Amino acid sequence: MHRAQLATFLRGRRERIRPADVGLLAGRRRRTPGLRREEVAQLAFISTEYYTRLEQARGPHPSREVVGGLARALRLSDAERDHLHQLAGLPPGPPPGPPRTVRPSVQLMLDRLPQSAAFVTSAMLEVIAWNGLAAALMDDFSARSRRDRNLARHAFLGSEDRADRLYGVSDGDEFARSAAARLRRTAARYPDDPEVAELVDDLLTGSPEFAALWAAGDVDTAPMLRKTFQHPVVGPVTVNCDALDLTDQDQHVVVYTADPGWPSDEALRLLAVIGTQHMSSAT
């Protein structure tokens, strides 16, 4: 184990993380940048004394479980996680699970796209960030639990009416094939993540369609570049679909835009005004 290098690496990453990045309040008495040692220890589920000894190059050989906890607590990228394993004298293992939070800068980017419906999905196809127009076009995600914000669950276990599945979108069957292929890749990347395993098991048990697509073994599908939503208030909305990869987070930013001057463009502008109020008025 490279104790000195490990200590330097841990200290540098700890000081780089802002408390808000891990859901903590900065407070007025915080004198040093980044997290405190006790905060990292708490997030990694180890004792503060043990973590302090690691940062002082006095700690014993950390186990794979400890290294995994530190990687999660310090929000390490895959490359940084592998490096941490090497410093600890351990061969890198599979990532513990897909990241389920977005960087604040990504949410800021979504909010600055007022004429586009934009959202972020995790590797499990859970909607983990969105802007107001995405909520107005698709669903008020803020009113849904994490479980109910999963697009795969919505597509395969939602409405039995195929014409109404996934917010009445025109390419529901294509999305279903893409979702099954993406989840197969996700399950291979995160074989030890219980939430991934639970999701796949629920879909296999509850959806014969998903079971058939899963059995086909596809891991690649053609991108969906254009689709039409059947909206309950403004009617059909045809949008261009572009997806951007956040490779370090294994996340996708999806952006829906309408062609300028067309009825769908006017429909999006109207949705931007009325927001999610239509959710209650249409029922």
Protein backbone atom coordinates (compact mmCIF):
# COMPACT_ATOMS: atom_id res chain seq x y z
CA MET A 1 0.00 0.00 0.00
CA HIS A 2 1.27 3.48 -0.90
CA ARG A 3 0.39 5.11 2.45
CA ALA A 4 1.80 8.57 1.74
CA GLN A 5 0.26 8.79 -1.72
CA LEU A 6 -3.05 7.49 -0.39
CA ALA A 7 -3.05 10.11 2.36
CA THR A 8 -2.32 12.91 -0.11
CA PHE A 9 -5.00 11.71 -2.51
CA LEU A 10 -7.68 11.48 0.18
CA ARG A 11 -6.86 14.89 1.62
CA GLY A 12 -6.86 16.54 -1.79
CA ARG A 13 -10.23 15.09 -2.78
CA ARG A 14 -11.78 15.88 0.61
CA GLU A 15 -10.76 19.53 0.38
CA ARG A 16 -12.15 19.79 -3.14
CA ILE A 17 -15.73 18.78 -2.32
CA ARG A 18 -18.21 21.43 -1.25
CA PRO A 19 -20.59 20.49 1.59
CA ALA A 20 -23.57 21.26 -0.65
CA ASP A 21 -22.39 18.61 -3.11
CA VAL A 22 -23.17 15.93 -0.53
CA GLY A 23 -26.26 17.54 0.99
CA LEU A 24 -24.54 19.25 3.95
CA LEU A 25 -24.83 22.84 5.13
CA ALA A 26 -21.60 24.82 5.00
CA GLY A 27 -22.19 26.67 8.27
CA ARG A 28 -20.47 29.87 9.42
CA ARG A 29 -17.68 28.27 11.47
CA ARG A 30 -16.17 26.24 8.63
CA ARG A 31 -12.55 27.41 8.40
CA THR A 32 -11.15 24.95 5.86
CA PRO A 33 -12.24 24.25 2.29
CA GLY A 34 -14.15 21.11 1.46
CA LEU A 35 -15.42 18.53 3.92
CA ARG A 36 -14.27 17.86 7.45
CA ARG A 37 -12.67 14.53 8.23
CA GLU A 38 -15.58 13.47 10.41
CA GLU A 39 -18.00 14.22 7.57
CA VAL A 40 -16.10 12.00 5.14
CA ALA A 41 -15.96 9.27 7.77
CA GLN A 42 -19.70 9.51 8.34
CA LEU A 43 -20.46 9.36 4.62
CA ALA A 44 -18.11 6.37 4.19
CA PHE A 45 -19.52 4.56 7.27
CA ILE A 46 -16.17 4.33 9.04
CA SER A 47 -14.86 5.86 12.27
CA THR A 48 -13.38 9.34 12.26
CA GLU A 49 -10.29 7.98 14.03
CA TYR A 50 -9.69 5.41 11.29
CA TYR A 51 -10.14 7.96 8.49
CA THR A 52 -7.80 10.41 10.26
CA ARG A 53 -5.12 7.73 10.47
CA LEU A 54 -5.48 7.09 6.71
CA GLU A 55 -4.96 10.80 5.98
CA GLN A 56 -1.93 10.82 8.24
CA ALA A 57 -0.41 7.80 6.46
CA ARG A 58 -0.69 5.75 9.69
CA GLY A 59 -3.73 3.64 8.85
CA PRO A 60 -3.81 -0.13 8.34
CA HIS A 61 -4.51 -1.72 4.99
CA PRO A 62 -8.09 -0.67 4.05
CA SER A 63 -10.50 -3.34 2.89
CA ARG A 64 -12.34 -3.24 -0.42
CA GLU A 65 -15.51 -2.23 1.45
CA VAL A 66 -13.74 0.73 3.07
CA VAL A 67 -12.24 1.84 -0.25
CA GLY A 68 -15.67 1.59 -1.87
CA GLY A 69 -17.22 3.68 0.89
CA LEU A 70 -14.52 6.34 0.52
CA ALA A 71 -15.02 6.43 -3.26
CA ARG A 72 -18.74 7.10 -2.79
CA ALA A 73 -18.21 9.65 -0.01
CA LEU A 74 -15.67 11.61 -2.05
CA ARG A 75 -17.75 11.45 -5.25
CA LEU A 76 -14.86 9.92 -7.22
CA SER A 77 -15.04 9.36 -10.96
CA ASP A 78 -14.38 5.86 -12.30
CA ALA A 79 -10.76 6.77 -13.06
CA GLU A 80 -10.26 8.23 -9.56
CA ARG A 81 -11.93 5.20 -7.97
CA ASP A 82 -9.57 2.85 -9.83
CA HIS A 83 -6.61 4.98 -8.73
CA LEU A 84 -7.76 4.83 -5.10
CA HIS A 85 -7.91 1.03 -5.30
CA GLN A 86 -4.39 0.92 -6.70
CA LEU A 87 -3.06 3.18 -3.91
CA ALA A 88 -4.71 0.86 -1.39
CA GLY A 89 -3.07 -2.17 -2.99
CA LEU A 90 -6.34 -3.59 -4.30
CA PRO A 91 -7.30 -4.50 -7.89
CA PRO A 92 -10.11 -2.20 -9.10
CA GLY A 93 -13.51 -3.85 -8.92
CA PRO A 94 -16.74 -2.98 -10.71
CA PRO A 95 -18.32 0.39 -9.88
CA PRO A 96 -20.62 0.05 -6.85
CA GLY A 97 -23.65 1.56 -8.55
CA PRO A 98 -24.77 4.25 -11.01
CA PRO A 99 -24.54 7.86 -9.78
CA ARG A 100 -27.98 9.09 -8.76
CA THR A 101 -27.33 12.81 -8.28
CA VAL A 102 -26.46 15.51 -10.80
CA ARG A 103 -23.90 18.25 -10.59
CA PRO A 104 -25.38 21.67 -9.71
CA SER A 105 -23.96 23.06 -12.96
CA VAL A 106 -26.01 20.54 -14.95
CA GLN A 107 -29.23 21.59 -13.20
CA LEU A 108 -28.32 25.21 -13.91
CA MET A 109 -27.91 24.35 -17.59
CA LEU A 110 -31.39 22.77 -17.66
CA ASP A 111 -32.94 25.82 -16.05
CA ARG A 112 -31.35 28.06 -18.67
CA LEU A 113 -33.10 26.25 -21.51
CA PRO A 114 -36.56 27.81 -21.06
CA GLN A 115 -37.74 27.02 -24.62
CA SER A 116 -36.60 23.38 -24.49
CA ALA A 117 -37.86 20.48 -22.41
CA ALA A 118 -34.71 19.04 -20.85
CA PHE A 119 -34.05 16.38 -18.24
CA VAL A 120 -31.33 14.02 -17.01
CA THR A 121 -31.62 10.25 -16.63
CA SER A 122 -29.38 7.96 -14.64
CA ALA A 123 -28.06 4.68 -16.02
CA MET A 124 -31.23 3.10 -14.56
CA LEU A 125 -33.43 5.45 -16.65
CA GLU A 126 -34.56 7.32 -13.55
CA VAL A 127 -35.30 11.01 -14.17
CA ILE A 128 -33.00 12.68 -11.65
CA ALA A 129 -33.14 16.32 -12.84
CA TRP A 130 -35.45 18.33 -15.09
CA ASN A 131 -36.57 21.81 -15.99
CA GLY A 132 -40.04 23.31 -15.84
CA LEU A 133 -40.91 22.67 -19.48
CA ALA A 134 -40.03 18.98 -19.20
CA ALA A 135 -42.41 18.71 -16.25
CA ALA A 136 -45.14 20.50 -18.18
CA LEU A 137 -44.70 18.34 -21.29
CA MET A 138 -44.25 14.97 -19.60
CA ASP A 139 -45.00 14.79 -15.88
CA ASP A 140 -44.67 16.76 -12.66
CA PHE A 141 -41.65 14.75 -11.55
CA SER A 142 -41.40 16.68 -8.29
CA ALA A 143 -44.68 15.07 -7.20
CA ARG A 144 -43.40 11.54 -7.90
CA SER A 145 -41.29 9.23 -5.80
CA ARG A 146 -37.91 8.08 -7.09
CA ARG A 147 -39.49 4.76 -8.02
CA ASP A 148 -42.23 6.44 -10.06
CA ARG A 149 -39.77 8.68 -11.91
CA ASN A 150 -38.18 5.66 -13.60
CA LEU A 151 -38.98 5.75 -17.32
CA ALA A 152 -38.53 1.99 -17.73
CA ARG A 153 -41.08 1.28 -15.01
CA HIS A 154 -43.42 3.79 -16.60
CA ALA A 155 -43.04 2.26 -20.06
CA PHE A 156 -43.35 -1.41 -19.11
CA LEU A 157 -45.41 -1.36 -15.91
CA GLY A 158 -47.54 1.75 -16.40
CA SER A 159 -50.66 2.08 -18.51
CA GLU A 160 -51.92 -1.10 -20.20
CA ASP A 161 -53.04 1.08 -23.13
CA ARG A 162 -50.06 1.03 -25.52
CA ALA A 163 -51.24 4.30 -27.09
CA ASP A 164 -51.02 6.01 -23.70
CA ARG A 165 -47.74 4.58 -22.45
CA LEU A 166 -44.88 6.92 -21.61
CA TYR A 167 -46.93 10.13 -21.81
CA GLY A 168 -48.59 9.18 -25.09
CA VAL A 169 -45.32 9.38 -27.03
CA SER A 170 -45.33 8.15 -30.62
CA ASP A 171 -42.20 6.00 -30.38
CA GLY A 172 -43.16 3.94 -27.34
CA ASP A 173 -42.14 0.64 -28.93
CA GLU A 174 -38.77 2.03 -30.02
CA PHE A 175 -38.18 3.43 -26.54
CA ALA A 176 -39.03 0.04 -25.02
CA ARG A 177 -36.34 -1.66 -27.10
CA SER A 178 -33.84 1.08 -26.28
CA ALA A 179 -34.65 0.88 -22.56
CA ALA A 180 -34.15 -2.88 -22.42
CA ALA A 181 -30.80 -2.57 -24.22
CA ARG A 182 -29.63 0.24 -21.94
CA LEU A 183 -30.63 -1.64 -18.80
CA ARG A 184 -28.74 -4.70 -20.02
CA ARG A 185 -25.59 -2.57 -20.30
CA THR A 186 -26.28 -1.05 -16.89
CA ALA A 187 -26.71 -4.46 -15.25
CA ALA A 188 -23.37 -5.55 -16.71
CA ARG A 189 -21.58 -2.42 -15.42
CA TYR A 190 -23.08 -2.57 -11.93
CA PRO A 191 -23.53 -6.28 -11.16
CA ASP A 192 -23.54 -5.74 -7.39
CA ASP A 193 -25.99 -2.82 -7.18
CA PRO A 194 -29.21 -3.94 -5.45
CA GLU A 195 -31.39 -1.23 -7.02
CA VAL A 196 -30.35 -2.24 -10.53
CA ALA A 197 -31.05 -5.90 -9.74
CA GLU A 198 -34.43 -5.04 -8.21
CA LEU A 199 -35.47 -2.97 -11.23
CA VAL A 200 -34.57 -5.69 -13.73
CA ASP A 201 -36.29 -8.35 -11.62
CA ASP A 202 -39.48 -6.26 -11.32
CA LEU A 203 -39.58 -5.69 -15.08
CA LEU A 204 -38.93 -9.36 -15.88
CA THR A 205 -41.68 -10.42 -13.48
CA GLY A 206 -44.25 -7.80 -14.40
CA SER A 207 -43.79 -7.31 -18.14
CA PRO A 208 -43.77 -10.14 -20.72
CA GLU A 209 -42.69 -7.53 -23.28
CA PHE A 210 -39.61 -6.63 -21.28
CA ALA A 211 -38.86 -10.30 -20.65
CA ALA A 212 -38.91 -10.95 -24.41
CA LEU A 213 -36.69 -7.94 -25.15
CA TRP A 214 -34.31 -8.96 -22.36
CA ALA A 215 -34.07 -12.49 -23.73
CA ALA A 216 -33.18 -11.10 -27.16
CA GLY A 217 -29.90 -9.85 -25.66
CA ASP A 218 -29.64 -6.58 -27.61
CA VAL A 219 -27.24 -3.96 -26.23
CA ASP A 220 -27.39 -1.41 -29.04
CA THR A 221 -30.28 0.43 -30.68
CA ALA A 222 -30.72 3.25 -33.17
CA PRO A 223 -31.12 6.76 -31.68
CA MET A 224 -34.60 8.32 -31.61
CA LEU A 225 -34.30 11.70 -33.29
CA ARG A 226 -37.93 12.84 -33.47
CA LYS A 227 -41.11 12.00 -31.60
CA THR A 228 -44.63 13.28 -30.93
CA PHE A 229 -46.29 13.63 -27.54
CA GLN A 230 -50.08 13.49 -27.26
CA HIS A 231 -50.53 16.16 -24.62
CA PRO A 232 -53.88 16.34 -22.76
CA VAL A 233 -54.07 20.15 -22.93
CA VAL A 234 -52.22 21.45 -26.01
CA GLY A 235 -52.61 18.38 -28.23
CA PRO A 236 -49.85 16.80 -30.31
CA VAL A 237 -46.35 18.20 -29.78
CA THR A 238 -43.65 17.05 -32.22
CA VAL A 239 -40.11 17.55 -30.98
CA ASN A 240 -36.55 16.87 -32.02
CA CYS A 241 -34.74 14.62 -29.56
CA ASP A 242 -31.05 15.06 -28.75
CA ALA A 243 -29.15 13.20 -26.03
CA LEU A 244 -25.83 14.24 -24.54
CA ASP A 245 -23.69 11.84 -22.52
CA LEU A 246 -22.24 12.82 -19.15
CA THR A 247 -19.69 10.05 -19.35
CA ASP A 248 -18.08 10.65 -15.96
CA GLN A 249 -21.49 10.26 -14.28
CA ASP A 250 -22.97 7.61 -16.61
CA GLN A 251 -25.94 9.92 -17.19
CA HIS A 252 -27.83 11.28 -20.21
CA VAL A 253 -29.06 14.82 -20.79
CA VAL A 254 -32.12 14.66 -23.05
CA VAL A 255 -33.29 17.85 -24.80
CA TYR A 256 -36.57 18.20 -26.70
CA THR A 257 -36.92 21.15 -29.09
CA ALA A 258 -39.61 22.10 -31.60
CA ASP A 259 -38.98 23.52 -35.07
CA PRO A 260 -39.39 27.32 -34.95
CA GLY A 261 -42.64 28.70 -36.32
CA TRP A 262 -44.50 25.38 -36.32
CA PRO A 263 -47.58 24.57 -34.18
CA SER A 264 -45.49 22.43 -31.84
CA ASP A 265 -43.27 25.44 -31.14
CA GLU A 266 -46.34 27.44 -30.14
CA ALA A 267 -47.53 24.52 -28.00
CA LEU A 268 -44.25 24.45 -26.09
CA ARG A 269 -44.40 28.21 -25.57
CA LEU A 270 -47.90 27.80 -24.13
CA LEU A 271 -46.74 25.00 -21.83
CA ALA A 272 -43.89 27.19 -20.65
CA VAL A 273 -46.53 29.71 -19.49
CA ILE A 274 -49.06 27.38 -17.88
CA GLY A 275 -46.44 25.01 -16.45
CA THR A 276 -47.71 22.02 -14.51
CA GLN A 277 -51.06 23.69 -13.73
CA HIS A 278 -52.55 21.56 -16.48
CA MET A 279 -51.97 18.48 -14.34
CA SER A 280 -54.88 19.40 -12.08
CA SER A 281 -57.04 21.19 -14.64
CA ALA A 282 -57.02 18.27 -17.06
CA THR A 283 -58.30 15.78 -14.48
